[in-house]
Amino acid sequence: MKVLVIGGSGHVGSLTLPILKQHHTLRVFDLRPPADATLEYVAGDVTDYDALLKASQNMEALIYMAMGSLAWDTLMGITTAFDVNVKGVYLALKAAHAAGISHAVYTSTMSVYKDPLQPPYYYPDEDVPPDARHFYGLTKRFGEEICRVAARDYSMSVNALRLCYPQDEEKWLAETKAGVPTIATTGPDVARALLAALDFRCGFQAFMISGDYEHKIMNMQKAKCLLGWAPLARPRE
């Protein structure tokens, strides 16, 4: 499948594109080129509709993994978050639809909740209403709603993956202890979730994706049933 990866030069892309490229033909759209020089690269800004439309041509699916600035609680961070997580998502889906793309995957976050590690400390399913107030989680919430509207108005299928601290597998293995709940997720597990989400098409769906293999913090049965996905990483004994 020919997949346009918006924001593919960032953190999530660095963890997942080496695996994704083994299964699909990728085109990366970003302000800066990806670390892998063998990938097709198109320079552009997510707020530039014409650039997004051009990059979407002849592609079959879209992955939107742009994150914006991590300059927390600064005016730059606030502005960038709204540009990337709201305006960019809207324009990217509009451009994708105009180019004939009918399927998309949006890398959302468990930060759509006010604090995933505070009470109730357990999420039984994806229907728990998001309640984030910080601008990052708030804008990612808005991004999910834009995906929901696109699925309805454009007759697209859009899967929102609520990711949890994607990180290098060796870092995860070094820091994760048996019997201690974690929601951090290894790069390979995130990549597998993206691959599964590229294949699953059923309107708008949100999925919790984390390394919580014992389901102590979140029940990920929806991802298991619909995507055939569950985290495979386990701590060293």
Protein backbone atom coordinates (compact mmCIF):
# COMPACT_ATOMS: atom_id res chain seq x y z
CA MET A 1 0.00 0.00 0.00
CA LYS A 2 1.19 3.54 -0.73
CA VAL A 3 1.05 5.43 2.57
CA LEU A 4 1.56 9.14 3.16
CA VAL A 5 3.11 9.61 6.62
CA ILE A 6 2.64 13.17 7.86
CA GLY A 7 5.13 14.01 10.59
CA GLY A 8 7.14 10.88 9.86
CA SER A 9 10.47 12.51 10.74
CA GLY A 10 9.52 12.86 14.41
CA HIS A 11 9.85 10.62 17.45
CA VAL A 12 7.09 8.15 16.60
CA GLY A 13 8.30 7.94 13.01
CA SER A 14 11.86 7.17 14.08
CA LEU A 15 10.55 4.23 16.13
CA THR A 16 8.09 2.83 13.62
CA LEU A 17 9.04 3.66 10.02
CA PRO A 18 11.85 1.05 9.86
CA ILE A 19 9.15 -1.58 10.42
CA LEU A 20 6.38 0.06 8.39
CA LYS A 21 8.58 0.33 5.30
CA GLN A 22 8.94 -3.45 5.26
CA HIS A 23 5.21 -3.73 4.54
CA HIS A 24 4.23 -0.55 2.67
CA THR A 25 5.60 2.09 0.30
CA LEU A 26 6.02 5.25 2.37
CA ARG A 27 6.10 8.93 1.49
CA VAL A 28 7.12 11.19 4.40
CA PHE A 29 5.71 14.73 4.61
CA ASP A 30 7.51 16.83 7.21
CA LEU A 31 9.39 20.06 7.78
CA ARG A 32 12.63 18.08 7.92
CA PRO A 33 13.72 14.87 6.19
CA PRO A 34 13.48 11.50 7.95
CA ALA A 35 16.60 9.81 9.28
CA ASP A 36 16.17 7.09 6.66
CA ALA A 37 17.35 8.67 3.42
CA THR A 38 15.91 5.81 1.37
CA LEU A 39 12.34 6.96 2.06
CA GLU A 40 10.56 9.31 -0.32
CA TYR A 41 10.45 12.74 1.30
CA VAL A 42 8.28 15.78 0.62
CA ALA A 43 9.07 18.95 2.54
CA GLY A 44 6.06 20.83 3.80
CA ASP A 45 4.06 22.36 6.63
CA VAL A 46 0.83 20.79 7.88
CA THR A 47 -0.91 24.18 7.70
CA ASP A 48 -0.20 24.42 3.94
CA TYR A 49 -3.21 22.86 2.22
CA ASP A 50 -1.75 23.03 -1.28
CA ALA A 51 1.40 21.20 -0.14
CA LEU A 52 -0.71 18.56 1.62
CA LEU A 53 -2.87 18.08 -1.47
CA LYS A 54 0.19 17.66 -3.69
CA ALA A 55 1.76 15.17 -1.27
CA SER A 56 -1.48 13.17 -1.14
CA GLN A 57 -1.57 12.49 -4.86
CA ASN A 58 -1.41 8.82 -5.87
CA MET A 59 -1.39 7.64 -2.26
CA GLU A 60 -3.77 5.03 -0.84
CA ALA A 61 -3.76 5.74 2.90
CA LEU A 62 -2.68 8.41 5.37
CA ILE A 63 -0.96 8.21 8.73
CA TYR A 64 -0.99 11.49 10.66
CA MET A 65 1.68 11.36 13.36
CA ALA A 66 2.76 15.01 13.56
CA MET A 67 2.95 16.14 17.21
CA GLY A 68 3.93 19.79 17.25
CA SER A 69 6.20 21.51 19.75
CA LEU A 70 6.89 19.98 23.14
CA ALA A 71 7.64 23.42 24.58
CA TRP A 72 5.09 22.93 27.32
CA ASP A 73 3.22 25.92 28.71
CA THR A 74 4.76 28.45 26.36
CA LEU A 75 2.97 30.57 23.79
CA MET A 76 4.95 28.80 21.07
CA GLY A 77 3.85 25.42 22.39
CA ILE A 78 0.21 26.48 22.55
CA THR A 79 0.24 27.95 19.05
CA THR A 80 2.03 24.97 17.55
CA ALA A 81 -0.27 22.49 19.26
CA PHE A 82 -3.36 24.11 17.75
CA ASP A 83 -1.68 24.42 14.34
CA VAL A 84 -0.52 20.80 14.21
CA ASN A 85 -3.15 18.93 16.23
CA VAL A 86 -6.23 20.81 15.04
CA LYS A 87 -5.69 22.85 11.87
CA GLY A 88 -3.19 20.38 10.43
CA VAL A 89 -5.42 17.37 11.04
CA TYR A 90 -8.38 19.11 9.43
CA LEU A 91 -6.41 20.20 6.36
CA ALA A 92 -4.66 16.84 5.99
CA LEU A 93 -7.93 14.90 5.99
CA LYS A 94 -9.52 17.42 3.62
CA ALA A 95 -6.55 17.08 1.24
CA ALA A 96 -6.58 13.29 1.56
CA HIS A 97 -10.26 13.16 0.64
CA ALA A 98 -9.72 15.50 -2.33
CA ALA A 99 -6.90 13.22 -3.54
CA GLY A 100 -9.06 10.12 -3.30
CA ILE A 101 -7.65 8.67 -0.06
CA SER A 102 -10.41 6.95 1.90
CA HIS A 103 -8.52 5.59 4.92
CA ALA A 104 -6.44 7.27 7.62
CA VAL A 105 -4.74 6.51 10.92
CA TYR A 106 -4.34 9.27 13.51
CA THR A 107 -1.78 8.92 16.28
CA SER A 108 -3.71 10.29 19.22
CA THR A 109 -2.67 9.91 22.86
CA MET A 110 -3.96 8.87 26.26
CA SER A 111 -3.29 12.50 27.15
CA VAL A 112 -6.83 13.13 25.87
CA TYR A 113 -7.56 12.32 29.52
CA LYS A 114 -6.74 14.81 32.25
CA ASP A 115 -4.23 12.46 33.84
CA PRO A 116 -4.18 8.80 32.79
CA LEU A 117 -2.27 7.81 35.92
CA GLN A 118 -4.58 9.46 38.44
CA PRO A 119 -7.83 7.99 39.79
CA PRO A 120 -9.86 6.25 38.45
CA TYR A 121 -6.51 4.77 37.33
CA TYR A 122 -8.34 2.20 35.23
CA TYR A 123 -9.93 2.65 31.83
CA PRO A 124 -12.44 -0.13 31.07
CA ASP A 125 -12.89 0.87 27.43
CA GLU A 126 -12.50 3.67 24.90
CA ASP A 127 -15.93 5.10 25.70
CA VAL A 128 -14.67 6.82 28.86
CA PRO A 129 -15.18 10.50 27.88
CA PRO A 130 -11.88 12.36 27.30
CA ASP A 131 -11.50 15.25 29.75
CA ALA A 132 -8.04 16.76 29.12
CA ARG A 133 -7.63 20.45 29.92
CA HIS A 134 -3.95 20.99 29.17
CA PHE A 135 -3.57 22.39 25.67
CA TYR A 136 -1.74 19.33 24.35
CA GLY A 137 -4.37 16.79 25.39
CA LEU A 138 -7.12 19.25 24.56
CA THR A 139 -5.90 19.73 20.99
CA LYS A 140 -5.47 15.98 20.54
CA ARG A 141 -9.10 15.61 21.68
CA PHE A 142 -10.09 18.12 19.02
CA GLY A 143 -8.05 16.11 16.49
CA GLU A 144 -10.06 12.99 17.31
CA GLU A 145 -13.30 14.90 16.78
CA ILE A 146 -12.06 16.13 13.41
CA CYS A 147 -11.33 12.51 12.48
CA ARG A 148 -14.84 11.54 13.55
CA VAL A 149 -16.37 14.27 11.38
CA ALA A 150 -14.17 13.31 8.41
CA ALA A 151 -15.31 9.71 8.70
CA ARG A 152 -18.90 10.86 8.51
CA ASP A 153 -18.69 13.69 5.95
CA TYR A 154 -16.08 12.15 3.63
CA SER A 155 -17.20 8.52 4.05
CA MET A 156 -13.67 7.76 5.22
CA SER A 157 -12.49 5.19 7.70
CA VAL A 158 -10.25 6.70 10.39
CA ASN A 159 -8.61 4.89 13.29
CA ALA A 160 -7.34 6.99 16.20
CA LEU A 161 -4.64 5.22 18.21
CA ARG A 162 -4.31 6.59 21.75
CA LEU A 163 -0.60 5.98 22.19
CA CYS A 164 1.22 5.85 25.52
CA TYR A 165 4.86 6.99 25.79
CA PRO A 166 6.29 5.29 22.69
CA GLN A 167 9.95 4.50 23.33
CA ASP A 168 12.93 2.51 22.14
CA GLU A 169 12.59 -1.17 22.97
CA GLU A 170 15.89 -1.34 24.87
CA LYS A 171 14.87 1.64 27.02
CA TRP A 172 11.55 -0.05 27.77
CA LEU A 173 13.26 -3.31 28.73
CA ALA A 174 15.76 -1.47 30.95
CA GLU A 175 13.07 0.48 32.82
CA THR A 176 10.11 -1.92 33.02
CA LYS A 177 9.94 -4.28 35.97
CA ALA A 178 7.79 -7.39 36.28
CA GLY A 179 4.78 -6.79 38.50
CA VAL A 180 4.98 -2.99 38.14
CA PRO A 181 2.23 -1.65 35.83
CA THR A 182 3.40 0.43 32.88
CA ILE A 183 1.69 2.17 29.99
CA ALA A 184 4.90 2.97 28.07
CA THR A 185 5.00 1.15 24.73
CA THR A 186 7.88 -0.19 22.67
CA GLY A 187 8.46 1.03 19.13
CA PRO A 188 7.80 -2.42 17.62
CA ASP A 189 4.47 -2.70 19.43
CA VAL A 190 3.44 0.76 18.20
CA ALA A 191 4.48 -0.18 14.66
CA ARG A 192 2.39 -3.34 14.84
CA ALA A 193 -0.60 -1.26 15.97
CA LEU A 194 -0.12 1.11 13.03
CA LEU A 195 0.06 -1.80 10.60
CA ALA A 196 -3.12 -3.30 12.03
CA ALA A 197 -4.88 0.09 11.92
CA LEU A 198 -3.95 0.48 8.25
CA ASP A 199 -5.82 -2.75 7.51
CA PHE A 200 -8.94 -2.17 9.64
CA ARG A 201 -11.67 -0.04 8.07
CA CYS A 202 -14.93 0.69 9.86
CA GLY A 203 -15.87 4.37 10.11
CA PHE A 204 -14.25 6.17 13.05
CA GLN A 205 -12.74 4.08 15.82
CA ALA A 206 -10.53 4.94 18.79
CA PHE A 207 -8.18 2.40 20.33
CA MET A 208 -6.09 2.44 23.50
CA ILE A 209 -2.56 1.31 22.64
CA SER A 210 -0.10 0.76 25.47
CA GLY A 211 2.45 -1.62 26.92
CA ASP A 212 0.09 -2.50 29.78
CA TYR A 213 0.20 -6.21 28.92
CA GLU A 214 -1.58 -7.22 32.13
CA HIS A 215 -4.43 -4.70 31.54
CA LYS A 216 -3.86 -3.24 35.01
CA ILE A 217 -4.48 0.35 33.86
CA MET A 218 -6.45 0.01 30.64
CA ASN A 219 -8.55 -2.72 29.10
CA MET A 220 -7.36 -3.08 25.50
CA GLN A 221 -9.79 -5.79 24.45
CA LYS A 222 -11.15 -3.58 21.67
CA ALA A 223 -7.73 -3.46 20.01
CA LYS A 224 -7.37 -7.21 20.44
CA CYS A 225 -10.80 -8.01 19.03
CA LEU A 226 -10.92 -5.56 16.12
CA LEU A 227 -7.26 -5.06 15.23
CA GLY A 228 -5.90 -8.39 16.37
CA TRP A 229 -3.34 -6.36 18.36
CA ALA A 230 -1.94 -6.74 21.86
CA PRO A 231 1.43 -5.63 23.25
CA LEU A 232 4.07 -8.33 22.90
CA ALA A 233 6.86 -6.72 24.93
CA ARG A 234 7.52 -8.28 28.33
CA PRO A 235 10.02 -7.22 31.01
CA ARG A 236 13.17 -9.23 31.46
CA GLU A 237 13.07 -11.74 34.27
